């Protein structure tokens, strides 16, 4: 019996990023053409209209395909918030039905909000854009958010973070359905990196300042000064005018981090900024942000950012750009 051809459906819903829809279509079409396999279509791709859920084929490159079950259904990013809540409130139920039929469900960036709304991510791991992490955690606390990851693969649920992470997700599906050889051929053809990336390469620590605790906010402002780069908890509590235990409790509640972890994040964020500029050595960056031991700085930087300081500079430095 001839094996079935994988059929990937792309969801066209209110606010969906058109670049992702067409980009993924082109990526899968390229992979199908490059696949060195039997003389049969390697992949089928269709775009599904969120309003009517009928196939929408704007050109011949979206071949006719049998009705669901789809092999995979992919929810692209949204550039217009959650318009679907008002215009297509039935969408989460329809997506969940595809999962019940055996389709792999995938999402990119803000599309993970739509996937989470189905309830299928409860107790599971997922990712979304790092800038949406706080909002996602507040709305879906039962989901284990792995925000540092570009892709989280749960077998039947696959989520990607970042607006352009549809490239990473598309290549992952090419590898899953057509193999590594076709993955590498597709990546070479499209001139994209097939290697694993992490969101933390691109994120920058952004402190919470709208929590309403004036004493904690005073400390946060003080910690931005160069002379506070090695501040102790005792010094921070003194600036806040609070006892240490009270300060620790209130700081954790307001900022979401322990004081020392918060300070470490500030220092590494400053280091990222400095490393993007030319003409300053890694050792000088370490000293500038308050690390007396450059080797300790390198270890902390790699732990938080996922790259060594040197690798970070090569990726994001102005000279490299």
Protein backbone atom coordinates (compact mmCIF):
# COMPACT_ATOMS: atom_id res chain seq x y z
CA UNK A 1 0.00 0.00 0.00
CA UNK A 2 1.44 3.38 -1.04
CA UNK A 3 2.24 5.59 1.96
CA UNK A 4 0.05 8.65 2.34
CA UNK A 5 1.43 12.07 1.44
CA UNK A 6 1.75 14.42 4.44
CA UNK A 7 -0.83 17.21 4.19
CA UNK A 8 0.02 20.42 6.06
CA UNK A 9 -2.77 22.93 6.60
CA UNK A 10 -2.03 26.61 7.28
CA UNK A 11 -4.69 28.52 9.18
CA UNK A 12 -5.69 31.88 7.72
CA UNK A 13 -7.50 33.60 10.61
CA UNK A 14 -8.30 37.20 11.53
CA UNK A 15 -5.00 39.05 12.00
CA UNK A 16 -2.78 36.21 10.76
CA UNK A 17 0.63 37.24 9.41
CA UNK A 18 0.43 36.93 5.64
CA UNK A 19 4.22 36.68 5.33
CA UNK A 20 4.19 33.52 7.43
CA UNK A 21 1.38 31.94 5.41
CA UNK A 22 3.02 32.55 2.06
CA UNK A 23 6.55 32.00 3.36
CA UNK A 24 5.66 28.61 4.78
CA UNK A 25 3.88 27.68 1.57
CA UNK A 26 7.03 28.51 -0.41
CA UNK A 27 9.25 26.70 2.10
CA UNK A 28 7.20 23.50 1.89
CA UNK A 29 6.93 23.76 -1.91
CA UNK A 30 10.72 24.10 -2.13
CA UNK A 31 11.21 21.12 0.17
CA UNK A 32 8.82 18.98 -1.90
CA UNK A 33 10.72 19.81 -5.09
CA UNK A 34 14.10 19.13 -3.49
CA UNK A 35 13.04 15.84 -1.91
CA UNK A 36 14.93 12.93 -3.44
CA UNK A 37 12.23 10.32 -3.08
CA UNK A 38 9.73 8.26 -5.10
CA UNK A 39 7.97 9.84 -8.07
CA UNK A 40 5.01 11.16 -6.13
CA UNK A 41 4.13 14.45 -4.43
CA UNK A 42 6.27 14.80 -1.30
CA UNK A 43 3.95 17.20 0.54
CA UNK A 44 0.52 18.71 0.15
CA UNK A 45 -0.13 22.22 1.45
CA UNK A 46 -3.42 24.06 1.80
CA UNK A 47 -4.51 27.29 3.43
CA UNK A 48 -7.63 27.14 5.56
CA UNK A 49 -9.88 30.14 5.93
CA UNK A 50 -10.76 30.74 9.57
CA UNK A 51 -14.15 32.21 8.67
CA UNK A 52 -15.48 29.30 6.66
CA UNK A 53 -12.77 26.66 7.03
CA UNK A 54 -12.85 25.90 3.34
CA UNK A 55 -9.70 25.55 1.27
CA UNK A 56 -8.59 28.82 -0.25
CA UNK A 57 -6.27 28.33 -3.22
CA UNK A 58 -5.00 31.69 -4.56
CA UNK A 59 -2.65 29.88 -6.99
CA UNK A 60 -1.88 26.42 -8.36
CA UNK A 61 0.90 25.86 -5.87
CA UNK A 62 -1.73 24.87 -3.28
CA UNK A 63 -2.82 21.52 -4.74
CA UNK A 64 -6.19 19.99 -4.19
CA UNK A 65 -6.18 17.57 -1.27
CA UNK A 66 -8.60 15.19 0.42
CA UNK A 67 -10.70 16.38 3.31
CA UNK A 68 -9.24 16.27 6.88
CA UNK A 69 -7.69 14.74 8.84
CA UNK A 70 -4.73 16.94 8.09
CA UNK A 71 -1.31 15.60 8.97
CA UNK A 72 -0.52 18.92 10.64
CA UNK A 73 -2.34 22.20 11.21
CA UNK A 74 -0.20 25.30 11.69
CA UNK A 75 -1.38 28.50 13.43
CA UNK A 76 0.80 31.42 12.22
CA UNK A 77 1.63 34.57 14.19
CA UNK A 78 -0.85 37.41 14.54
CA UNK A 79 0.00 41.04 13.84
CA UNK A 80 -3.35 42.34 15.08
CA UNK A 81 -3.66 41.02 18.62
CA UNK A 82 -6.57 38.65 19.14
CA UNK A 83 -9.10 39.79 16.57
CA UNK A 84 -10.22 36.19 16.31
CA UNK A 85 -11.86 36.41 19.75
CA UNK A 86 -14.56 38.70 18.35
CA UNK A 87 -14.63 37.65 14.71
CA UNK A 88 -14.03 33.89 14.99
CA UNK A 89 -14.81 32.75 18.55
CA UNK A 90 -15.41 29.19 17.30
CA UNK A 91 -11.78 28.87 16.20
CA UNK A 92 -10.34 27.14 19.32
CA UNK A 93 -13.02 24.45 19.17
CA UNK A 94 -12.37 23.86 15.46
CA UNK A 95 -8.63 23.56 16.09
CA UNK A 96 -9.22 21.11 18.95
CA UNK A 97 -11.37 18.99 16.65
CA UNK A 98 -8.47 18.68 14.21
CA UNK A 99 -6.30 17.45 17.09
CA UNK A 100 -8.96 14.91 17.94
CA UNK A 101 -8.76 13.63 14.36
CA UNK A 102 -5.02 13.04 14.74
CA UNK A 103 -3.53 16.25 13.34
CA UNK A 104 -0.29 17.60 14.77
CA UNK A 105 -1.04 21.12 16.02
CA UNK A 106 1.63 23.80 15.58
CA UNK A 107 1.75 27.49 16.46
CA UNK A 108 4.15 30.39 16.02
CA UNK A 109 4.64 33.45 18.25
CA UNK A 110 1.24 34.92 19.32
CA UNK A 111 -0.45 31.97 17.63
CA UNK A 112 0.32 30.01 20.81
CA UNK A 113 -2.37 32.06 22.58
CA UNK A 114 -4.92 30.65 20.15
CA UNK A 115 -3.55 27.15 20.63
CA UNK A 116 -3.65 27.55 24.44
CA UNK A 117 -7.28 28.64 24.22
CA UNK A 118 -8.18 25.10 23.10
CA UNK A 119 -7.16 23.80 26.54
CA UNK A 120 -4.81 21.26 24.97
CA UNK A 121 -1.69 22.91 26.43
CA UNK A 122 -2.76 22.47 30.06
CA UNK A 123 0.03 20.75 31.94
CA UNK A 124 2.19 20.77 28.80
CA UNK A 125 5.26 22.79 27.78
CA UNK A 126 5.10 25.53 25.15
CA UNK A 127 6.77 28.72 23.97
CA UNK A 128 5.71 32.05 22.47
CA UNK A 129 7.42 35.35 21.76
CA UNK A 130 9.61 36.36 24.72
CA UNK A 131 7.93 39.78 24.81
CA UNK A 132 4.56 38.11 25.44
CA UNK A 133 5.75 35.82 28.24
CA UNK A 134 4.30 37.77 31.16
CA UNK A 135 0.91 38.14 29.46
CA UNK A 136 0.85 34.46 28.53
CA UNK A 137 1.75 33.26 32.03
CA UNK A 138 -0.99 35.44 33.56
CA UNK A 139 -3.63 34.09 31.20
CA UNK A 140 -2.51 30.44 31.05
CA UNK A 141 -0.72 29.65 34.34
CA UNK A 142 -1.29 25.91 33.85
CA UNK A 143 1.01 25.88 30.80
CA UNK A 144 4.73 25.33 31.45
CA UNK A 145 6.23 28.18 29.46
CA UNK A 146 9.75 27.52 28.14
CA UNK A 147 10.30 31.04 26.87
CA UNK A 148 14.02 30.60 26.24
CA UNK A 149 13.36 27.97 23.56
CA UNK A 150 12.71 28.76 19.92
CA UNK A 151 10.79 25.49 19.46
CA UNK A 152 9.11 23.21 22.00
CA UNK A 153 8.16 19.82 20.56
CA UNK A 154 5.60 17.90 22.62
CA UNK A 155 5.03 15.24 20.00
CA UNK A 156 1.43 16.10 19.13
CA UNK A 157 1.79 19.82 19.92
CA UNK A 158 4.62 21.92 18.52
CA UNK A 159 5.08 25.61 19.42
CA UNK A 160 7.59 28.18 18.19
CA UNK A 161 8.49 31.59 19.62
CA UNK A 162 9.35 34.76 17.77
CA UNK A 163 7.64 36.44 14.82
CA UNK A 164 9.99 34.86 12.27
CA UNK A 165 10.22 31.49 14.01
CA UNK A 166 7.93 30.09 11.32
CA UNK A 167 11.17 29.42 9.43
CA UNK A 168 12.47 27.23 12.27
CA UNK A 169 9.10 25.51 12.60
CA UNK A 170 8.82 24.92 8.87
CA UNK A 171 12.27 23.32 8.75
CA UNK A 172 11.37 21.14 11.75
CA UNK A 173 8.32 19.83 9.89
CA UNK A 174 10.38 19.25 6.73
CA UNK A 175 12.77 17.14 8.80
CA UNK A 176 9.89 15.26 10.42
CA UNK A 177 8.10 14.37 7.19
CA UNK A 178 10.87 14.38 4.56
CA UNK A 179 14.03 13.63 6.52
CA UNK A 180 17.26 15.39 7.38
CA UNK A 181 18.67 15.21 3.86
CA UNK A 182 15.76 17.26 2.50
CA UNK A 183 15.96 19.59 5.50
CA UNK A 184 19.59 20.43 4.70
CA UNK A 185 18.87 20.79 0.97
CA UNK A 186 15.97 23.15 1.71
CA UNK A 187 18.02 25.23 4.15
CA UNK A 188 20.83 25.56 1.59
CA UNK A 189 18.39 26.53 -1.14
CA UNK A 190 16.69 29.19 1.02
CA UNK A 191 19.99 30.35 2.57
CA UNK A 192 18.74 29.90 6.13
CA UNK A 193 20.47 28.36 9.13
CA UNK A 194 19.14 24.85 9.89
CA UNK A 195 20.85 24.82 13.29
CA UNK A 196 19.00 25.05 16.57
CA UNK A 197 18.46 28.58 17.88
CA UNK A 198 17.14 29.81 21.21
CA UNK A 199 14.97 32.84 21.92
CA UNK A 200 17.25 34.00 24.71
CA UNK A 201 19.88 34.83 22.06
CA UNK A 202 17.59 37.70 21.03
CA UNK A 203 15.83 38.74 24.22
CA UNK A 204 16.88 41.57 26.52
CA UNK A 205 15.88 41.82 30.17
CA UNK A 206 13.08 44.35 30.69
CA UNK A 207 12.35 45.02 34.39
CA UNK A 208 8.79 45.33 35.66
CA UNK A 209 8.26 48.88 36.90
CA UNK A 210 4.46 49.18 37.02
CA UNK A 211 3.88 47.05 40.12
CA UNK A 212 2.93 49.97 42.40
CA UNK A 213 5.39 49.30 45.23
CA UNK A 214 7.17 52.65 45.67
CA UNK A 215 9.90 51.28 47.95
CA UNK A 216 10.85 48.55 45.49
CA UNK A 217 10.69 50.98 42.58
CA UNK A 218 13.14 53.27 44.39
CA UNK A 219 15.61 50.39 44.61
CA UNK A 220 15.10 49.46 40.97
CA UNK A 221 15.94 53.00 39.90
CA UNK A 222 19.00 53.02 42.18
CA UNK A 223 20.25 49.71 40.75
CA UNK A 224 20.53 51.31 37.32
CA UNK A 225 23.43 53.46 38.59
CA UNK A 226 27.01 52.25 37.99
CA UNK A 227 27.90 52.40 41.70
CA UNK A 228 25.14 49.87 42.47
CA UNK A 229 26.53 47.12 40.20
CA UNK A 230 27.69 45.04 43.18
CA UNK A 231 25.05 46.08 45.70
CA UNK A 232 24.27 43.71 48.56
CA UNK A 233 20.79 42.84 49.77
CA UNK A 234 21.54 44.84 52.93
CA UNK A 235 22.31 47.93 50.83
CA UNK A 236 19.18 47.45 48.74
CA UNK A 237 17.01 47.09 51.83
CA UNK A 238 18.58 50.28 53.21
CA UNK A 239 17.69 52.20 50.05
CA UNK A 240 14.13 50.86 50.30
CA UNK A 241 13.92 51.77 53.99
CA UNK A 242 12.78 48.25 54.87
CA UNK A 243 14.03 45.36 56.96
CA UNK A 244 15.80 42.70 54.92
CA UNK A 245 13.14 40.01 55.25
CA UNK A 246 10.36 42.43 54.36
CA UNK A 247 12.41 43.80 51.48
CA UNK A 248 13.14 40.34 50.07
CA UNK A 249 9.46 39.39 50.16
CA UNK A 250 8.24 42.62 48.59
CA UNK A 251 10.97 42.75 45.94
CA UNK A 252 10.24 39.18 44.81
CA UNK A 253 6.52 39.88 44.65
CA UNK A 254 6.92 43.16 42.74
CA UNK A 255 9.68 42.26 40.29
CA UNK A 256 9.21 38.51 39.94
CA UNK A 257 12.86 37.90 40.83
CA UNK A 258 15.04 37.68 43.92
CA UNK A 259 17.18 40.85 44.32
CA UNK A 260 20.45 39.14 43.40
CA UNK A 261 18.94 37.50 40.32
CA UNK A 262 17.43 40.82 39.29
CA UNK A 263 20.78 42.57 39.62
CA UNK A 264 22.46 39.80 37.62
CA UNK A 265 19.92 40.24 34.82
CA UNK A 266 20.54 44.00 34.78
CA UNK A 267 24.29 43.52 34.53
CA UNK A 268 24.03 41.00 31.70
CA UNK A 269 21.58 43.22 29.79
CA UNK A 270 24.09 46.07 30.06
CA UNK A 271 26.83 43.70 28.88
CA UNK A 272 24.76 42.77 25.82
CA UNK A 273 24.47 46.44 24.94
CA UNK A 274 28.21 46.98 25.31
CA UNK A 275 29.11 43.87 23.29
CA UNK A 276 27.08 45.19 20.37
CA UNK A 277 29.44 48.17 20.15
CA UNK A 278 32.88 47.96 18.54
CA UNK A 279 36.15 48.76 20.27
CA UNK A 280 35.65 47.26 23.74
CA UNK A 281 37.09 43.91 24.83
CA UNK A 282 35.11 41.21 26.59
CA UNK A 283 37.24 41.67 29.74
CA UNK A 284 36.53 45.41 29.70
CA UNK A 285 32.80 44.68 29.38
CA UNK A 286 32.99 42.37 32.40
CA UNK A 287 34.63 45.06 34.53
CA UNK A 288 32.26 47.75 33.23
CA UNK A 289 29.20 45.84 34.45
CA UNK A 290 30.69 44.99 37.83
CA UNK A 291 32.42 41.61 37.44
CA UNK A 292 35.94 41.50 38.86
CA UNK A 293 36.51 38.00 37.45
CA UNK A 294 36.03 37.90 33.64
CA UNK A 295 35.78 34.09 33.66
CA UNK A 296 32.87 34.29 36.11
CA UNK A 297 31.24 36.88 33.84
CA UNK A 298 31.58 34.56 30.84
CA UNK A 299 29.91 31.70 32.72
CA UNK A 300 26.98 33.83 33.88
CA UNK A 301 26.56 35.41 30.44
CA UNK A 302 26.41 32.03 28.70
CA UNK A 303 23.99 30.68 31.30
CA UNK A 304 21.53 33.57 30.85
CA UNK A 305 21.96 34.38 27.14
CA UNK A 306 22.83 30.93 25.77
CA UNK A 307 25.90 32.23 23.91
CA UNK A 308 29.41 33.08 24.98
CA UNK A 309 30.17 36.83 24.97
CA UNK A 310 32.36 36.30 21.90
CA UNK A 311 29.64 34.43 20.02
CA UNK A 312 27.09 37.08 20.99
CA UNK A 313 29.34 39.81 19.59
CA UNK A 314 29.81 37.90 16.33
CA UNK A 315 26.06 37.55 15.91
CA UNK A 316 24.86 40.96 17.03
CA UNK A 317 27.83 43.34 17.06
CA UNK A 318 27.56 46.47 14.93
CA UNK A 319 30.76 45.54 13.11
CA UNK A 320 29.33 42.10 12.32
CA UNK A 321 26.14 43.68 11.03
